[in-house]
Amino acid sequence: MRFVYMDEAGISNPAQEPYMVVAGVLVNPDKQWKELDAYYRNLAADLFPDEVPYRFVFHAHHIWHGSGDFARKQWTFPQRMRLLAQLAQVPKLFDLPVVAGIVQRHATRQAILSETAEVSERSVRFQIYVEAFVGAVKCVDYWMRMNTPDEVAMLIAEDMPEVKSGIRLFHEGYTYPAADDAPVFRSNHIVDAVHYAKKKNHFFFK
């Protein structure tokens, strides 16, 4: 079995973030989870010995901008970049597959509006997110089919109330058993519902 930890980027100003990206990392919980847990805890204990290691989360946003626990007064830019590099090497260190669904926000928005001019901006944002989410799911299913055809995977995503109900419907659609020749995407490896975790409980690196 694989846990797939999913997260998104590209929800702010489209001029600065022109792409919606939903990415996921596949973890074998039986063989890798404890080692990953120990890696992040040990790193947190080394950097912040006064903190409780299992409650600390490495926020990439804070590291990049020099805010939060990584304030610029205490952390120089080279120090923060070295830490980001140390965190970015985790998939390679632990042989963790990374998948992603990527959507060009402006072009997709124009395509949606050309088909339904009355659609709300909220609906447009949701449709863009869903397209990226399903793109990532397709990558998960492909990787499972090519590498671990006898295993199943479970999705774990950040708890975002505004998209949960819609994602549930799409998730039920591509996990519902169907004939092999069905003309829509079906996953034979992803099981159960999408499980949601609060941001503060979403693993160690965010």
Protein backbone atom coordinates (compact mmCIF):
# COMPACT_ATOMS: atom_id res chain seq x y z
CA MET A 1 0.00 0.00 0.00
CA ARG A 2 1.05 3.62 -0.62
CA PHE A 3 0.05 6.82 1.10
CA VAL A 4 -0.06 9.75 -1.34
CA TYR A 5 0.47 13.09 0.42
CA MET A 6 -0.93 15.83 -1.81
CA ASP A 7 -0.62 19.59 -1.76
CA GLU A 8 -1.27 22.51 -4.08
CA ALA A 9 0.39 25.72 -5.23
CA GLY A 10 -0.79 28.49 -7.52
CA ILE A 11 -3.85 29.86 -5.72
CA SER A 12 -2.68 33.46 -5.30
CA ASN A 13 -2.22 36.26 -7.86
CA PRO A 14 -2.21 34.66 -11.35
CA ALA A 15 0.35 37.22 -12.53
CA GLN A 16 2.81 35.85 -9.98
CA GLU A 17 1.58 32.25 -10.00
CA PRO A 18 0.43 31.49 -13.57
CA TYR A 19 0.15 27.73 -12.99
CA MET A 20 -2.02 25.70 -10.67
CA VAL A 21 0.01 22.73 -9.47
CA VAL A 22 -1.25 19.81 -7.40
CA ALA A 23 1.63 17.54 -6.46
CA GLY A 24 1.87 14.34 -4.50
CA VAL A 25 4.54 12.15 -2.99
CA LEU A 26 4.05 8.39 -2.68
CA VAL A 27 5.15 6.81 0.59
CA ASN A 28 5.25 3.14 1.52
CA PRO A 29 4.00 3.38 5.15
CA ASP A 30 5.33 -0.03 6.15
CA LYS A 31 8.87 0.56 4.90
CA GLN A 32 9.40 4.33 4.76
CA TRP A 33 7.11 6.24 7.10
CA LYS A 34 9.08 5.75 10.32
CA GLU A 35 12.36 6.64 8.63
CA LEU A 36 10.83 9.82 7.20
CA ASP A 37 9.33 10.69 10.56
CA ALA A 38 12.72 10.26 12.24
CA TYR A 39 14.46 12.35 9.57
CA TYR A 40 12.20 15.35 10.09
CA ARG A 41 12.17 15.03 13.86
CA ASN A 42 15.96 14.84 14.06
CA LEU A 43 16.33 17.82 11.76
CA ALA A 44 13.85 19.83 13.84
CA ALA A 45 15.63 18.85 17.06
CA ASP A 46 19.00 19.92 15.65
CA LEU A 47 17.74 23.31 14.46
CA PHE A 48 15.30 24.09 17.27
CA PRO A 49 16.35 22.13 20.38
CA ASP A 50 13.82 23.96 22.56
CA GLU A 51 10.86 22.97 20.38
CA VAL A 52 8.86 19.75 20.61
CA PRO A 53 10.08 17.89 17.48
CA TYR A 54 6.84 16.14 16.59
CA ARG A 55 4.91 19.43 16.64
CA PHE A 56 7.29 21.31 14.37
CA VAL A 57 6.45 21.79 10.68
CA PHE A 58 8.92 23.03 8.07
CA HIS A 59 6.93 25.61 6.09
CA ALA A 60 8.67 26.25 2.77
CA HIS A 61 6.91 29.63 2.57
CA HIS A 62 8.53 30.76 5.83
CA ILE A 63 11.94 29.40 4.89
CA TRP A 64 11.91 31.13 1.49
CA HIS A 65 10.66 34.49 2.74
CA GLY A 66 12.52 34.53 6.04
CA SER A 67 9.44 34.66 8.25
CA GLY A 68 7.91 32.67 11.10
CA ASP A 69 10.46 30.36 12.70
CA PHE A 70 12.98 31.37 10.04
CA ALA A 71 13.05 35.13 10.57
CA ARG A 72 15.70 36.96 8.55
CA LYS A 73 17.32 38.37 11.68
CA GLN A 74 18.28 34.85 12.78
CA TRP A 75 18.48 33.12 9.39
CA THR A 76 20.49 34.49 6.47
CA PHE A 77 19.38 33.86 2.89
CA PRO A 78 22.20 31.32 2.23
CA GLN A 79 21.29 29.45 5.42
CA ARG A 80 17.64 29.25 4.41
CA MET A 81 18.52 28.09 0.89
CA ARG A 82 20.78 25.36 2.28
CA LEU A 83 17.90 24.18 4.46
CA LEU A 84 15.51 24.16 1.49
CA ALA A 85 18.04 22.12 -0.46
CA GLN A 86 18.30 19.70 2.46
CA LEU A 87 14.53 19.30 2.49
CA ALA A 88 14.25 19.09 -1.30
CA GLN A 89 16.59 16.09 -1.39
CA VAL A 90 14.22 13.97 0.72
CA PRO A 91 12.44 12.31 -2.25
CA LYS A 92 15.80 11.24 -3.67
CA LEU A 93 17.17 10.14 -0.30
CA PHE A 94 14.17 7.92 0.39
CA ASP A 95 13.36 6.99 -3.21
CA LEU A 96 9.93 8.63 -3.07
CA PRO A 97 8.05 9.04 -6.38
CA VAL A 98 6.69 12.56 -6.95
CA VAL A 99 3.71 13.22 -9.21
CA ALA A 100 2.03 16.44 -10.33
CA GLY A 101 -0.91 17.84 -12.24
CA ILE A 102 -0.17 21.23 -13.81
CA VAL A 103 -2.71 23.65 -15.33
CA GLN A 104 -2.11 26.99 -17.04
CA ARG A 105 -4.55 29.18 -15.14
CA HIS A 106 -5.24 31.96 -17.64
CA ALA A 107 -5.71 29.74 -20.69
CA THR A 108 -7.93 27.33 -18.76
CA ARG A 109 -9.99 30.18 -17.35
CA GLN A 110 -10.57 31.55 -20.86
CA ALA A 111 -11.58 28.11 -22.11
CA ILE A 112 -14.10 27.70 -19.27
CA LEU A 113 -15.60 31.16 -19.84
CA SER A 114 -15.88 30.54 -23.58
CA GLU A 115 -18.11 27.56 -22.87
CA THR A 116 -20.13 29.04 -19.99
CA ALA A 117 -20.04 32.84 -19.81
CA GLU A 118 -22.20 33.01 -16.69
CA VAL A 119 -19.94 30.86 -14.53
CA SER A 120 -18.75 32.45 -11.27
CA GLU A 121 -15.10 33.13 -10.50
CA ARG A 122 -15.35 30.73 -7.59
CA SER A 123 -16.51 27.99 -9.94
CA VAL A 124 -13.70 28.80 -12.38
CA ARG A 125 -11.11 28.51 -9.61
CA PHE A 126 -12.62 25.22 -8.50
CA GLN A 127 -12.59 23.76 -12.02
CA ILE A 128 -8.95 24.73 -12.46
CA TYR A 129 -8.07 23.10 -9.14
CA VAL A 130 -9.98 19.93 -10.01
CA GLU A 131 -8.22 19.65 -13.38
CA ALA A 132 -4.84 19.82 -11.65
CA PHE A 133 -5.96 17.44 -8.89
CA VAL A 134 -7.22 14.81 -11.33
CA GLY A 135 -4.04 15.24 -13.38
CA ALA A 136 -1.99 14.34 -10.31
CA VAL A 137 -4.29 11.39 -9.57
CA LYS A 138 -3.78 10.07 -13.09
CA CYS A 139 -0.02 10.21 -12.52
CA VAL A 140 -0.43 8.28 -9.27
CA ASP A 141 -2.46 5.60 -10.99
CA TYR A 142 0.03 5.35 -13.86
CA TRP A 143 2.98 5.00 -11.47
CA MET A 144 1.18 2.32 -9.48
CA ARG A 145 0.27 0.43 -12.64
CA MET A 146 3.85 0.51 -13.94
CA ASN A 147 5.70 -0.15 -10.68
CA THR A 148 3.46 -1.77 -8.07
CA PRO A 149 0.51 -3.29 -9.96
CA ASP A 150 -0.54 -5.45 -7.00
CA GLU A 151 -0.73 -2.55 -4.51
CA VAL A 152 -3.32 0.12 -3.77
CA ALA A 153 -2.95 3.78 -2.81
CA MET A 154 -4.81 6.16 -0.51
CA LEU A 155 -4.86 9.93 -1.01
CA ILE A 156 -4.19 12.38 1.84
CA ALA A 157 -4.79 16.06 1.08
CA GLU A 158 -4.95 19.33 2.95
CA ASP A 159 -8.36 20.00 4.49
CA MET A 160 -9.91 22.74 2.33
CA PRO A 161 -13.67 22.91 3.00
CA GLU A 162 -14.40 24.91 -0.17
CA VAL A 163 -13.34 22.04 -2.47
CA LYS A 164 -13.99 18.90 -0.43
CA SER A 165 -17.52 18.21 -1.61
CA GLY A 166 -16.64 18.67 -5.27
CA ILE A 167 -13.50 16.57 -5.03
CA ARG A 168 -15.52 13.81 -3.37
CA LEU A 169 -17.77 13.55 -6.43
CA PHE A 170 -14.86 13.36 -8.86
CA HIS A 171 -13.05 10.88 -6.61
CA GLU A 172 -16.08 8.63 -6.46
CA GLY A 173 -16.29 8.83 -10.25
CA TYR A 174 -12.77 7.63 -11.07
CA THR A 175 -12.70 5.00 -8.32
CA TYR A 176 -16.11 3.51 -9.18
CA PRO A 177 -15.69 0.06 -10.79
CA ALA A 178 -16.40 0.05 -14.51
CA ALA A 179 -15.76 -2.00 -17.62
CA ASP A 180 -12.20 -1.90 -18.92
CA ASP A 181 -13.29 -0.17 -22.12
CA ALA A 182 -15.08 2.71 -20.35
CA PRO A 183 -14.25 5.95 -22.26
CA VAL A 184 -13.33 7.88 -19.07
CA PHE A 185 -10.49 7.73 -16.59
CA ARG A 186 -10.84 4.98 -14.00
CA SER A 187 -8.32 4.11 -11.34
CA ASN A 188 -7.74 0.50 -10.41
CA HIS A 189 -5.26 1.33 -7.65
CA ILE A 190 -6.65 4.25 -5.65
CA VAL A 191 -9.01 3.15 -2.90
CA ASP A 192 -11.14 4.56 -0.11
CA ALA A 193 -12.17 8.23 0.17
CA VAL A 194 -9.74 11.15 0.03
CA HIS A 195 -8.50 11.65 3.58
CA TYR A 196 -7.99 15.21 4.76
CA ALA A 197 -5.49 16.56 7.26
CA LYS A 198 -5.41 20.00 8.83
CA LYS A 199 -2.48 22.13 7.71
CA LYS A 200 -0.75 21.88 11.07
CA ASN A 201 -1.08 18.07 11.01
CA HIS A 202 -0.06 17.57 7.39
CA PHE A 203 3.19 15.68 7.90
CA PHE A 204 6.40 17.62 8.71
CA PHE A 205 7.20 19.52 5.53
CA LYS A 206 4.72 21.93 4.02
